[in-house]
Amino acid sequence: MSTLTAPLSTTAPRALAPTALDRALLVLSRVLARTAESRMQRRATRRLDDEVRRVARERGRSAMADAEFALRVR
């Protein structure tokens, strides 16, 4: 009997089962994706904070008031 005519129950589970390396790569991929997502969120927040500070300074708010505002927001 050739592998083409062999029942799937004898060939498929071994051929398609993920190996330890596959699982490790999947975990690594998820960790990297989470890290990239959190960095993008921090960058977006930082840009927003910078914009808020710039607008506040343009409106004449002092550096001390700006610092107090930053502490209250966080």
PDB file of N, CA and C in Angstrom:
ATOM      1  N   MET A   1       0.837  -1.156   0.000  1.00  0.00           N
ATOM      2  CA  MET A   1       0.000   0.000   0.000  1.00  0.00           C
ATOM      3  C   MET A   1       0.898   1.241   0.000  1.00  0.00           C
ATOM      4  N   SER A   2       0.671   2.163  -0.924  1.00  0.00           N
ATOM      5  CA  SER A   2       1.484   3.381  -0.985  1.00  0.00           C
ATOM      6  C   SER A   2       0.926   4.427  -0.026  1.00  0.00           C
ATOM      7  N   THR A   3       1.681   5.484   0.163  1.00  0.00           N
ATOM      8  CA  THR A   3       1.213   6.537   1.075  1.00  0.00           C
ATOM      9  C   THR A   3       0.015   7.280   0.504  1.00  0.00           C
ATOM     10  N   LEU A   4      -0.151   7.232  -0.812  1.00  0.00           N
ATOM     11  CA  LEU A   4      -1.300   7.910  -1.407  1.00  0.00           C
ATOM     12  C   LEU A   4      -2.603   7.191  -1.091  1.00  0.00           C
ATOM     13  N   THR A   5      -2.527   5.891  -0.907  1.00  0.00           N
ATOM     14  CA  THR A   5      -3.746   5.133  -0.619  1.00  0.00           C
ATOM     15  C   THR A   5      -3.870   4.759   0.853  1.00  0.00           C
ATOM     16  N   ALA A   6      -2.891   5.120   1.662  1.00  0.00           N
ATOM     17  CA  ALA A   6      -2.951   4.796   3.091  1.00  0.00           C
ATOM     18  C   ALA A   6      -4.026   5.648   3.760  1.00  0.00           C
ATOM     19  N   PRO A   7      -4.682   5.093   4.746  1.00  0.00           N
ATOM     20  CA  PRO A   7      -5.703   5.875   5.451  1.00  0.00           C
ATOM     21  C   PRO A   7      -5.073   7.096   6.139  1.00  0.00           C
ATOM     22  N   LEU A   8      -5.814   8.171   6.202  1.00  0.00           N
ATOM     23  CA  LEU A   8      -5.293   9.396   6.794  1.00  0.00           C
ATOM     24  C   LEU A   8      -4.971   9.237   8.272  1.00  0.00           C
ATOM     25  N   SER A   9      -5.658   8.348   8.939  1.00  0.00           N
ATOM     26  CA  SER A   9      -5.434   8.191  10.376  1.00  0.00           C
ATOM     27  C   SER A   9      -4.004   7.766  10.693  1.00  0.00           C
ATOM     28  N   THR A  10      -3.328   7.113   9.760  1.00  0.00           N
ATOM     29  CA  THR A  10      -1.960   6.678  10.043  1.00  0.00           C
ATOM     30  C   THR A  10      -0.931   7.705   9.602  1.00  0.00           C
ATOM     31  N   THR A  11      -1.255   8.577   8.657  1.00  0.00           N
ATOM     32  CA  THR A  11      -0.250   9.521   8.163  1.00  0.00           C
ATOM     33  C   THR A  11      -0.489  10.956   8.625  1.00  0.00           C
ATOM     34  N   ALA A  12      -1.714  11.397   8.657  1.00  0.00           N
ATOM     35  CA  ALA A  12      -2.005  12.808   8.912  1.00  0.00           C
ATOM     36  C   ALA A  12      -1.601  13.291  10.308  1.00  0.00           C
ATOM     37  N   PRO A  13      -1.922  12.597  11.369  1.00  0.00           N
ATOM     38  CA  PRO A  13      -1.589  13.161  12.681  1.00  0.00           C
ATOM     39  C   PRO A  13      -0.104  13.431  12.864  1.00  0.00           C
ATOM     40  N   ARG A  14       0.724  12.528  12.412  1.00  0.00           N
ATOM     41  CA  ARG A  14       2.159  12.756  12.556  1.00  0.00           C
ATOM     42  C   ARG A  14       2.646  13.839  11.618  1.00  0.00           C
ATOM     43  N   ALA A  15       2.115  13.903  10.428  1.00  0.00           N
ATOM     44  CA  ALA A  15       2.579  14.867   9.438  1.00  0.00           C
ATOM     45  C   ALA A  15       2.108  16.283   9.768  1.00  0.00           C
ATOM     46  N   LEU A  16       0.938  16.430  10.385  1.00  0.00           N
ATOM     47  CA  LEU A  16       0.371  17.753  10.612  1.00  0.00           C
ATOM     48  C   LEU A  16       0.494  18.250  12.049  1.00  0.00           C
ATOM     49  N   ALA A  17       0.917  17.410  12.948  1.00  0.00           N
ATOM     50  CA  ALA A  17       1.024  17.827  14.346  1.00  0.00           C
ATOM     51  C   ALA A  17       2.147  18.855  14.507  1.00  0.00           C
ATOM     52  N   PRO A  18       1.883  19.925  15.248  1.00  0.00           N
ATOM     53  CA  PRO A  18       2.933  20.930  15.444  1.00  0.00           C
ATOM     54  C   PRO A  18       4.053  20.388  16.332  1.00  0.00           C
ATOM     55  N   THR A  19       5.241  20.711  15.966  1.00  0.00           N
ATOM     56  CA  THR A  19       6.396  20.270  16.749  1.00  0.00           C
ATOM     57  C   THR A  19       6.648  21.277  17.867  1.00  0.00           C
ATOM     58  N   ALA A  20       7.582  20.959  18.728  1.00  0.00           N
ATOM     59  CA  ALA A  20       7.946  21.883  19.809  1.00  0.00           C
ATOM     60  C   ALA A  20       8.493  23.183  19.227  1.00  0.00           C
ATOM     61  N   LEU A  21       9.229  23.084  18.145  1.00  0.00           N
ATOM     62  CA  LEU A  21       9.760  24.287  17.492  1.00  0.00           C
ATOM     63  C   LEU A  21       8.625  25.145  16.942  1.00  0.00           C
ATOM     64  N   ASP A  22       7.626  24.508  16.333  1.00  0.00           N
ATOM     65  CA  ASP A  22       6.465  25.253  15.824  1.00  0.00           C
ATOM     66  C   ASP A  22       5.767  26.002  16.953  1.00  0.00           C
ATOM     67  N   ARG A  23       5.576  25.327  18.074  1.00  0.00           N
ATOM     68  CA  ARG A  23       4.903  25.968  19.207  1.00  0.00           C
ATOM     69  C   ARG A  23       5.744  27.111  19.771  1.00  0.00           C
ATOM     70  N   ALA A  24       7.049  26.911  19.842  1.00  0.00           N
ATOM     71  CA  ALA A  24       7.936  27.966  20.345  1.00  0.00           C
ATOM     72  C   ALA A  24       7.915  29.182  19.420  1.00  0.00           C
ATOM     73  N   LEU A  25       7.919  28.940  18.123  1.00  0.00           N
ATOM     74  CA  LEU A  25       7.863  30.055  17.172  1.00  0.00           C
ATOM     75  C   LEU A  25       6.531  30.794  17.265  1.00  0.00           C
ATOM     76  N   LEU A  26       5.468  30.068  17.493  1.00  0.00           N
ATOM     77  CA  LEU A  26       4.156  30.692  17.650  1.00  0.00           C
ATOM     78  C   LEU A  26       4.122  31.572  18.902  1.00  0.00           C
ATOM     79  N   VAL A  27       4.667  31.081  19.997  1.00  0.00           N
ATOM     80  CA  VAL A  27       4.726  31.870  21.233  1.00  0.00           C
ATOM     81  C   VAL A  27       5.582  33.115  21.021  1.00  0.00           C
ATOM     82  N   LEU A  28       6.728  32.951  20.383  1.00  0.00           N
ATOM     83  CA  LEU A  28       7.609  34.083  20.108  1.00  0.00           C
ATOM     84  C   LEU A  28       6.911  35.116  19.231  1.00  0.00           C
ATOM     85  N   SER A  29       6.202  34.653  18.236  1.00  0.00           N
ATOM     86  CA  SER A  29       5.469  35.549  17.350  1.00  0.00           C
ATOM     87  C   SER A  29       4.426  36.351  18.120  1.00  0.00           C
ATOM     88  N   ARG A  30       3.711  35.696  19.017  1.00  0.00           N
ATOM     89  CA  ARG A  30       2.692  36.394  19.818  1.00  0.00           C
ATOM     90  C   ARG A  30       3.323  37.423  20.744  1.00  0.00           C
ATOM     91  N   VAL A  31       4.449  37.067  21.349  1.00  0.00           N
ATOM     92  CA  VAL A  31       5.139  38.001  22.246  1.00  0.00           C
ATOM     93  C   VAL A  31       5.605  39.225  21.464  1.00  0.00           C
ATOM     94  N   LEU A  32       6.185  39.007  20.303  1.00  0.00           N
ATOM     95  CA  LEU A  32       6.650  40.128  19.484  1.00  0.00           C
ATOM     96  C   LEU A  32       5.487  41.001  19.029  1.00  0.00           C
ATOM     97  N   ALA A  33       4.368  40.389  18.690  1.00  0.00           N
ATOM     98  CA  ALA A  33       3.195  41.160  18.268  1.00  0.00           C
ATOM     99  C   ALA A  33       2.667  42.008  19.421  1.00  0.00           C
ATOM    100  N   ARG A  34       2.615  41.442  20.630  1.00  0.00           N
ATOM    101  CA  ARG A  34       2.159  42.210  21.799  1.00  0.00           C
ATOM    102  C   ARG A  34       3.106  43.369  22.092  1.00  0.00           C
ATOM    103  N   THR A  35       4.407  43.111  21.981  1.00  0.00           N
ATOM    104  CA  THR A  35       5.396  44.155  22.232  1.00  0.00           C
ATOM    105  C   THR A  35       5.253  45.288  21.227  1.00  0.00           C
ATOM    106  N   ALA A  36       5.106  44.930  19.964  1.00  0.00           N
ATOM    107  CA  ALA A  36       4.948  45.954  18.928  1.00  0.00           C
ATOM    108  C   ALA A  36       3.676  46.761  19.151  1.00  0.00           C
ATOM    109  N   GLU A  37       2.598  46.098  19.517  1.00  0.00           N
ATOM    110  CA  GLU A  37       1.329  46.797  19.761  1.00  0.00           C
ATOM    111  C   GLU A  37       1.454  47.769  20.931  1.00  0.00           C
ATOM    112  N   SER A  38       2.081  47.334  22.016  1.00  0.00           N
ATOM    113  CA  SER A  38       2.211  48.225  23.176  1.00  0.00           C
ATOM    114  C   SER A  38       3.116  49.408  22.859  1.00  0.00           C
ATOM    115  N   ARG A  39       4.162  49.196  22.069  1.00  0.00           N
ATOM    116  CA  ARG A  39       5.031  50.312  21.670  1.00  0.00           C
ATOM    117  C   ARG A  39       4.283  51.305  20.806  1.00  0.00           C
ATOM    118  N   MET A  40       3.451  50.816  19.896  1.00  0.00           N
ATOM    119  CA  MET A  40       2.670  51.716  19.046  1.00  0.00           C
ATOM    120  C   MET A  40       1.693  52.523  19.890  1.00  0.00           C
ATOM    121  N   GLN A  41       1.066  51.895  20.882  1.00  0.00           N
ATOM    122  CA  GLN A  41       0.139  52.614  21.756  1.00  0.00           C
ATOM    123  C   GLN A  41       0.864  53.679  22.576  1.00  0.00           C
ATOM    124  N   ARG A  42       2.052  53.342  23.083  1.00  0.00           N
ATOM    125  CA  ARG A  42       2.826  54.329  23.845  1.00  0.00           C
ATOM    126  C   ARG A  42       3.222  55.510  22.972  1.00  0.00           C
ATOM    127  N   ARG A  43       3.619  55.237  21.730  1.00  0.00           N
ATOM    128  CA  ARG A  43       3.974  56.329  20.810  1.00  0.00           C
ATOM    129  C   ARG A  43       2.786  57.230  20.537  1.00  0.00           C
ATOM    130  N   ALA A  44       1.635  56.630  20.312  1.00  0.00           N
ATOM    131  CA  ALA A  44       0.428  57.419  20.042  1.00  0.00           C
ATOM    132  C   ALA A  44       0.077  58.271  21.257  1.00  0.00           C
ATOM    133  N   THR A  45       0.190  57.700  22.445  1.00  0.00           N
ATOM    134  CA  THR A  45      -0.097  58.449  23.667  1.00  0.00           C
ATOM    135  C   THR A  45       0.903  59.579  23.846  1.00  0.00           C
ATOM    136  N   ARG A  46       2.173  59.301  23.571  1.00  0.00           N
ATOM    137  CA  ARG A  46       3.205  60.323  23.714  1.00  0.00           C
ATOM    138  C   ARG A  46       2.941  61.480  22.761  1.00  0.00           C
ATOM    139  N   ARG A  47       2.557  61.172  21.524  1.00  0.00           N
ATOM    140  CA  ARG A  47       2.252  62.236  20.563  1.00  0.00           C
ATOM    141  C   ARG A  47       1.082  63.076  21.045  1.00  0.00           C
ATOM    142  N   LEU A  48       0.078  62.421  21.592  1.00  0.00           N
ATOM    143  CA  LEU A  48      -1.084  63.143  22.106  1.00  0.00           C
ATOM    144  C   LEU A  48      -0.683  64.030  23.284  1.00  0.00           C
ATOM    145  N   ASP A  49       0.121  63.498  24.203  1.00  0.00           N
ATOM    146  CA  ASP A  49       0.593  64.293  25.341  1.00  0.00           C
ATOM    147  C   ASP A  49       1.394  65.498  24.866  1.00  0.00           C
ATOM    148  N   ASP A  50       2.273  65.293  23.890  1.00  0.00           N
ATOM    149  CA  ASP A  50       3.070  66.395  23.355  1.00  0.00           C
ATOM    150  C   ASP A  50       2.183  67.465  22.734  1.00  0.00           C
ATOM    151  N   GLU A  51       1.158  67.024  22.031  1.00  0.00           N
ATOM    152  CA  GLU A  51       0.231  67.971  21.406  1.00  0.00           C
ATOM    153  C   GLU A  51      -0.532  68.760  22.465  1.00  0.00           C
ATOM    154  N   VAL A  52      -0.976  68.099  23.519  1.00  0.00           N
ATOM    155  CA  VAL A  52      -1.692  68.779  24.610  1.00  0.00           C
ATOM    156  C   VAL A  52      -0.783  69.803  25.266  1.00  0.00           C
ATOM    157  N   ARG A  53       0.454  69.443  25.513  1.00  0.00           N
ATOM    158  CA  ARG A  53       1.402  70.378  26.134  1.00  0.00           C
ATOM    159  C   ARG A  53       1.674  71.573  25.231  1.00  0.00           C
ATOM    160  N   ARG A  54       1.842  71.312  23.944  1.00  0.00           N
ATOM    161  CA  ARG A  54       2.108  72.403  23.006  1.00  0.00           C
ATOM    162  C   ARG A  54       0.945  73.388  22.980  1.00  0.00           C
ATOM    163  N   VAL A  55      -0.266  72.871  22.913  1.00  0.00           N
ATOM    164  CA  VAL A  55      -1.448  73.739  22.894  1.00  0.00           C
ATOM    165  C   VAL A  55      -1.545  74.523  24.197  1.00  0.00           C
ATOM    166  N   ALA A  56      -1.266  73.865  25.318  1.00  0.00           N
ATOM    167  CA  ALA A  56      -1.327  74.551  26.613  1.00  0.00           C
ATOM    168  C   ALA A  56      -0.305  75.677  26.675  1.00  0.00           C
ATOM    169  N   ARG A  57       0.883  75.447  26.170  1.00  0.00           N
ATOM    170  CA  ARG A  57       1.914  76.495  26.186  1.00  0.00           C
ATOM    171  C   ARG A  57       1.534  77.648  25.270  1.00  0.00           C
ATOM    172  N   GLU A  58       0.923  77.319  24.141  1.00  0.00           N
ATOM    173  CA  GLU A  58       0.485  78.380  23.234  1.00  0.00           C
ATOM    174  C   GLU A  58      -0.589  79.240  23.885  1.00  0.00           C
ATOM    175  N   ARG A  59      -1.385  78.647  24.759  1.00  0.00           N
ATOM    176  CA  ARG A  59      -2.453  79.391  25.444  1.00  0.00           C
ATOM    177  C   ARG A  59      -1.940  80.098  26.695  1.00  0.00           C
ATOM    178  N   GLY A  60      -0.652  79.985  26.968  1.00  0.00           N
ATOM    179  CA  GLY A  60      -0.062  80.748  28.060  1.00  0.00           C
ATOM    180  C   GLY A  60      -0.033  80.060  29.406  1.00  0.00           C
ATOM    181  N   ARG A  61      -0.206  78.766  29.447  1.00  0.00           N
ATOM    182  CA  ARG A  61      -0.152  78.077  30.734  1.00  0.00           C
ATOM    183  C   ARG A  61       1.311  77.917  31.143  1.00  0.00           C
ATOM    184  N   SER A  62       1.593  78.072  32.417  1.00  0.00           N
ATOM    185  CA  SER A  62       2.972  77.998  32.900  1.00  0.00           C
ATOM    186  C   SER A  62       3.487  76.559  32.880  1.00  0.00           C
ATOM    187  N   ALA A  63       4.800  76.444  33.016  1.00  0.00           N
ATOM    188  CA  ALA A  63       5.417  75.115  33.060  1.00  0.00           C
ATOM    189  C   ALA A  63       4.946  74.347  34.292  1.00  0.00           C
ATOM    190  N   MET A  64       4.752  75.052  35.410  1.00  0.00           N
ATOM    191  CA  MET A  64       4.278  74.404  36.639  1.00  0.00           C
ATOM    192  C   MET A  64       2.850  73.884  36.451  1.00  0.00           C
ATOM    193  N   ALA A  65       1.995  74.694  35.845  1.00  0.00           N
ATOM    194  CA  ALA A  65       0.623  74.254  35.587  1.00  0.00           C
ATOM    195  C   ALA A  65       0.622  73.079  34.616  1.00  0.00           C
ATOM    196  N   ASP A  66       1.534  73.123  33.655  1.00  0.00           N
ATOM    197  CA  ASP A  66       1.646  72.019  32.700  1.00  0.00           C
ATOM    198  C   ASP A  66       2.048  70.734  33.415  1.00  0.00           C
ATOM    199  N   ALA A  67       2.994  70.828  34.351  1.00  0.00           N
ATOM    200  CA  ALA A  67       3.434  69.648  35.103  1.00  0.00           C
ATOM    201  C   ALA A  67       2.303  69.112  35.985  1.00  0.00           C
ATOM    202  N   GLU A  68       1.564  70.017  36.632  1.00  0.00           N
ATOM    203  CA  GLU A  68       0.435  69.581  37.461  1.00  0.00           C
ATOM    204  C   GLU A  68      -0.632  68.892  36.618  1.00  0.00           C
ATOM    205  N   PHE A  69      -0.874  69.440  35.446  1.00  0.00           N
ATOM    206  CA  PHE A  69      -1.850  68.839  34.543  1.00  0.00           C
ATOM    207  C   PHE A  69      -1.402  67.439  34.126  1.00  0.00           C
ATOM    208  N   ALA A  70      -0.124  67.306  33.799  1.00  0.00           N
ATOM    209  CA  ALA A  70       0.402  66.001  33.384  1.00  0.00           C
ATOM    210  C   ALA A  70       0.254  64.977  34.509  1.00  0.00           C
ATOM    211  N   LEU A  71       0.489  65.401  35.749  1.00  0.00           N
ATOM    212  CA  LEU A  71       0.348  64.475  36.875  1.00  0.00           C
ATOM    213  C   LEU A  71      -1.106  64.077  37.082  1.00  0.00           C
ATOM    214  N   ARG A  72      -2.023  65.015  36.909  1.00  0.00           N
ATOM    215  CA  ARG A  72      -3.440  64.707  37.086  1.00  0.00           C
ATOM    216  C   ARG A  72      -3.955  63.789  35.990  1.00  0.00           C
ATOM    217  N   VAL A  73      -3.483  63.993  34.777  1.00  0.00           N
ATOM    218  CA  VAL A  73      -3.948  63.188  33.643  1.00  0.00           C
ATOM    219  C   VAL A  73      -3.499  61.748  33.801  1.00  0.00           C
ATOM    220  N   ARG A  74      -2.305  61.534  34.279  1.00  0.00           N
ATOM    221  CA  ARG A  74      -1.786  60.179  34.426  1.00  0.00           C
ATOM    222  C   ARG A  74      -2.256  59.645  35.715  1.00  0.00           C
TER     223      ARG A  74
END
